[in-house]
N, C-alpha and C. Protein backbone atom coordinates (compact mmCIF):
# COMPACT_ATOMS: atom_id res chain seq x y z
N MET A 1 -172.99 116.70 51.11
CA MET A 1 -171.91 117.76 50.79
C MET A 1 -171.76 118.45 49.66
N ALA A 2 -171.75 119.59 49.31
CA ALA A 2 -172.02 120.09 47.78
C ALA A 2 -170.47 120.77 47.78
N PHE A 3 -170.28 120.35 46.70
CA PHE A 3 -168.69 120.84 46.21
C PHE A 3 -169.16 121.81 44.81
N ASN A 4 -167.59 122.86 45.02
CA ASN A 4 -168.15 123.63 43.78
C ASN A 4 -167.03 123.11 42.61
N TYR A 5 -167.88 122.89 41.30
CA TYR A 5 -167.05 122.26 40.20
C TYR A 5 -166.89 123.26 39.46
N ASP A 6 -166.99 124.69 39.68
CA ASP A 6 -166.49 125.68 38.56
C ASP A 6 -164.90 125.56 37.93
N TYR A 7 -163.90 125.05 38.60
CA TYR A 7 -162.82 124.89 38.33
C TYR A 7 -162.53 123.64 37.30
N LEU A 8 -163.34 122.27 37.70
CA LEU A 8 -163.59 121.41 36.90
C LEU A 8 -164.39 122.00 35.68
N ARG A 9 -165.33 122.48 35.60
CA ARG A 9 -165.89 123.28 34.49
C ARG A 9 -165.32 123.71 33.30
N GLY A 10 -164.04 124.72 34.05
CA GLY A 10 -163.15 125.17 33.32
C GLY A 10 -162.27 124.15 32.71
N PHE A 11 -161.58 123.21 33.29
CA PHE A 11 -160.87 122.00 33.04
C PHE A 11 -161.28 121.34 31.90
N ILE A 12 -162.73 121.10 31.89
CA ILE A 12 -163.73 120.34 30.98
C ILE A 12 -163.30 121.13 29.70
N LYS A 13 -163.80 122.65 29.86
CA LYS A 13 -163.67 123.42 28.70
C LYS A 13 -162.43 123.32 27.95
N GLU A 14 -161.34 123.47 28.55
CA GLU A 14 -159.96 123.73 28.31
C GLU A 14 -159.67 122.29 27.60
N ASN A 15 -159.93 121.23 28.27
CA ASN A 15 -159.22 120.03 27.64
C ASN A 15 -160.32 118.94 26.84
N TYR A 16 -161.48 119.21 26.82
CA TYR A 16 -162.42 118.57 26.10
C TYR A 16 -163.44 119.33 25.30
N GLY A 17 -163.26 120.51 25.55
CA GLY A 17 -164.25 121.45 24.88
C GLY A 17 -165.67 121.50 24.97
N THR A 18 -166.28 120.42 25.30
CA THR A 18 -167.58 120.35 25.73
C THR A 18 -168.21 119.43 26.79
N ILE A 19 -169.26 119.65 27.49
CA ILE A 19 -169.55 118.80 28.50
C ILE A 19 -169.75 117.05 27.83
N ASN A 20 -170.32 117.30 26.40
CA ASN A 20 -170.34 116.04 25.85
C ASN A 20 -169.41 115.21 25.92
N LYS A 21 -168.22 115.71 25.39
CA LYS A 21 -167.23 114.86 25.09
C LYS A 21 -166.49 114.50 26.40
N PHE A 22 -166.52 115.57 27.39
CA PHE A 22 -166.17 114.80 28.65
C PHE A 22 -166.86 113.76 29.45
N ALA A 23 -168.34 113.63 29.22
CA ALA A 23 -169.05 112.84 29.29
C ALA A 23 -168.73 111.35 28.70
N GLU A 24 -168.60 111.73 27.29
CA GLU A 24 -167.84 110.07 26.49
C GLU A 24 -166.88 110.02 27.01
N PHE A 25 -165.74 110.60 27.43
CA PHE A 25 -164.65 110.14 27.82
C PHE A 25 -164.57 109.35 29.51
N LEU A 26 -165.64 109.82 30.01
CA LEU A 26 -165.81 109.03 31.13
C LEU A 26 -166.85 107.75 31.01
N GLY A 27 -167.37 107.66 30.11
CA GLY A 27 -167.94 106.77 29.63
C GLY A 27 -169.47 106.86 30.19
N ILE A 28 -170.02 108.04 30.58
CA ILE A 28 -171.46 108.07 31.19
C ILE A 28 -172.01 109.20 30.18
N GLY A 29 -173.26 108.95 30.46
CA GLY A 29 -174.18 109.87 29.41
C GLY A 29 -174.29 111.23 29.87
N THR A 30 -174.69 112.31 29.05
CA THR A 30 -174.82 113.57 29.44
C THR A 30 -175.34 113.90 30.92
N THR A 31 -176.95 113.34 30.95
CA THR A 31 -177.38 113.50 32.00
C THR A 31 -176.70 113.27 33.01
N GLN A 32 -175.69 112.12 33.05
CA GLN A 32 -175.16 111.80 34.48
C GLN A 32 -174.26 112.88 34.65
N ILE A 33 -173.65 113.23 33.74
CA ILE A 33 -172.43 114.32 34.14
C ILE A 33 -173.25 115.91 34.74
N TYR A 34 -174.29 115.92 34.06
CA TYR A 34 -175.07 117.08 34.49
C TYR A 34 -175.36 116.81 36.21
N GLU A 35 -175.69 115.73 36.37
CA GLU A 35 -176.24 115.26 37.71
C GLU A 35 -175.03 115.54 38.95
N ARG A 36 -173.52 115.04 38.19
CA ARG A 36 -172.45 115.00 38.97
C ARG A 36 -172.09 116.62 39.29
N LEU A 37 -172.34 117.20 38.34
CA LEU A 37 -171.60 118.72 38.31
C LEU A 37 -172.85 119.60 39.16
N GLY A 38 -174.03 118.97 39.45
CA GLY A 38 -175.01 119.95 40.15
C GLY A 38 -175.39 118.87 41.44
N ASN A 39 -174.41 118.46 41.85
CA ASN A 39 -173.95 117.82 43.37
C ASN A 39 -175.50 116.77 43.60
N ARG A 40 -176.03 116.55 42.54
CA ARG A 40 -177.11 115.39 43.05
C ARG A 40 -176.58 114.12 42.95
N VAL A 41 -175.56 113.74 42.36
CA VAL A 41 -175.08 112.42 42.25
C VAL A 41 -173.53 112.61 42.28
N PRO A 42 -172.92 112.01 43.28
CA PRO A 42 -171.37 112.12 43.28
C PRO A 42 -170.27 111.61 42.19
N PHE A 43 -169.47 111.94 42.05
CA PHE A 43 -168.38 111.22 41.05
C PHE A 43 -167.89 110.33 41.71
N THR A 44 -167.70 109.17 41.05
CA THR A 44 -167.38 108.02 41.58
C THR A 44 -165.62 107.91 41.61
N GLN A 45 -165.23 106.82 42.44
CA GLN A 45 -163.71 106.87 42.31
C GLN A 45 -163.27 106.67 41.29
N LYS A 46 -163.75 105.51 40.46
CA LYS A 46 -163.36 105.09 39.13
C LYS A 46 -163.25 106.62 37.98
N GLU A 47 -164.16 107.26 38.24
CA GLU A 47 -164.31 108.23 37.37
C GLU A 47 -163.25 109.18 37.56
N ILE A 48 -162.97 109.88 39.02
CA ILE A 48 -162.19 110.66 39.41
C ILE A 48 -160.55 110.10 39.20
N ASP A 49 -160.43 108.66 39.22
CA ASP A 49 -159.07 108.10 38.83
C ASP A 49 -159.01 108.26 37.46
N LYS A 50 -159.57 107.93 36.55
CA LYS A 50 -159.83 108.25 34.96
C LYS A 50 -159.42 109.64 34.69
N VAL A 51 -159.65 110.62 35.32
CA VAL A 51 -159.44 111.77 34.82
C VAL A 51 -158.18 112.39 35.52
N ALA A 52 -158.02 111.79 36.53
CA ALA A 52 -156.57 111.82 37.22
C ALA A 52 -155.58 111.29 36.57
N ASN A 53 -155.42 110.24 35.98
CA ASN A 53 -154.66 109.21 35.48
C ASN A 53 -154.57 109.36 33.64
N GLU A 54 -155.57 110.02 33.31
CA GLU A 54 -155.85 109.53 31.86
C GLU A 54 -156.17 110.76 30.77
N SER A 55 -156.41 112.15 31.51
CA SER A 55 -156.78 113.13 31.04
C SER A 55 -155.82 113.78 30.29
N LYS A 56 -154.43 113.55 30.69
CA LYS A 56 -153.15 114.60 30.24
C LYS A 56 -152.25 113.39 30.12
N ALA A 57 -151.37 113.78 29.43
CA ALA A 57 -149.72 112.70 28.91
C ALA A 57 -149.31 112.23 30.33
N GLU A 58 -149.48 113.19 31.62
CA GLU A 58 -148.96 112.94 32.83
C GLU A 58 -149.95 112.97 33.71
N PRO A 59 -149.94 111.97 34.77
CA PRO A 59 -151.10 112.20 35.79
C PRO A 59 -151.10 113.17 36.31
N LEU A 60 -152.08 113.95 36.78
CA LEU A 60 -152.37 114.98 37.35
C LEU A 60 -152.01 115.03 38.80
N PRO A 61 -151.23 116.04 39.47
CA PRO A 61 -150.66 116.06 40.85
C PRO A 61 -152.11 115.81 41.66
N PRO A 62 -151.84 115.59 42.96
CA PRO A 62 -152.89 115.58 44.08
C PRO A 62 -153.51 116.76 44.27
N GLN A 63 -152.51 117.85 44.24
CA GLN A 63 -153.36 119.25 44.42
C GLN A 63 -154.51 119.44 43.36
N GLU A 64 -154.13 119.20 42.08
CA GLU A 64 -155.02 119.34 41.14
C GLU A 64 -156.26 118.23 41.15
N ILE A 65 -156.08 117.24 41.59
CA ILE A 65 -157.48 116.44 41.86
C ILE A 65 -158.34 117.05 42.50
N TYR A 66 -157.53 117.42 43.86
CA TYR A 66 -158.45 118.10 44.99
C TYR A 66 -159.08 119.33 44.55
N ARG A 67 -158.56 120.02 43.78
CA ARG A 67 -159.05 121.31 43.33
C ARG A 67 -160.17 121.40 42.42
N LEU A 68 -160.00 119.87 41.45
CA LEU A 68 -161.11 119.84 40.79
C LEU A 68 -162.38 119.04 41.09
N PHE A 69 -162.16 118.15 42.44
CA PHE A 69 -163.41 117.55 42.70
C PHE A 69 -163.89 117.99 44.21
N PHE A 70 -163.04 118.46 44.89
CA PHE A 70 -163.32 118.33 46.44
C PHE A 70 -163.17 119.84 46.91
N THR A 71 -163.26 120.88 46.09
CA THR A 71 -163.27 122.43 46.83
C THR A 71 -164.94 122.51 47.03
N LYS A 72 -164.61 123.30 48.10
CA LYS A 72 -166.42 123.47 48.71
C LYS A 72 -166.56 124.68 48.59
């Protein structure tokens, strides 16, 4: 199933500046993040949870998480 990660890409740019910094935050390599954004490999539950709970001072609301990771 392919997801549209345009909103996530904007979130990354706004909050991390670069894909590389976002990959570093998640603890994965740049190649791995591009595989996820290209729908070749799914984001793991651990990665989604880290973004949801550690990206900002407050946890992200469920609607925001859905928009970031589950938009088709």
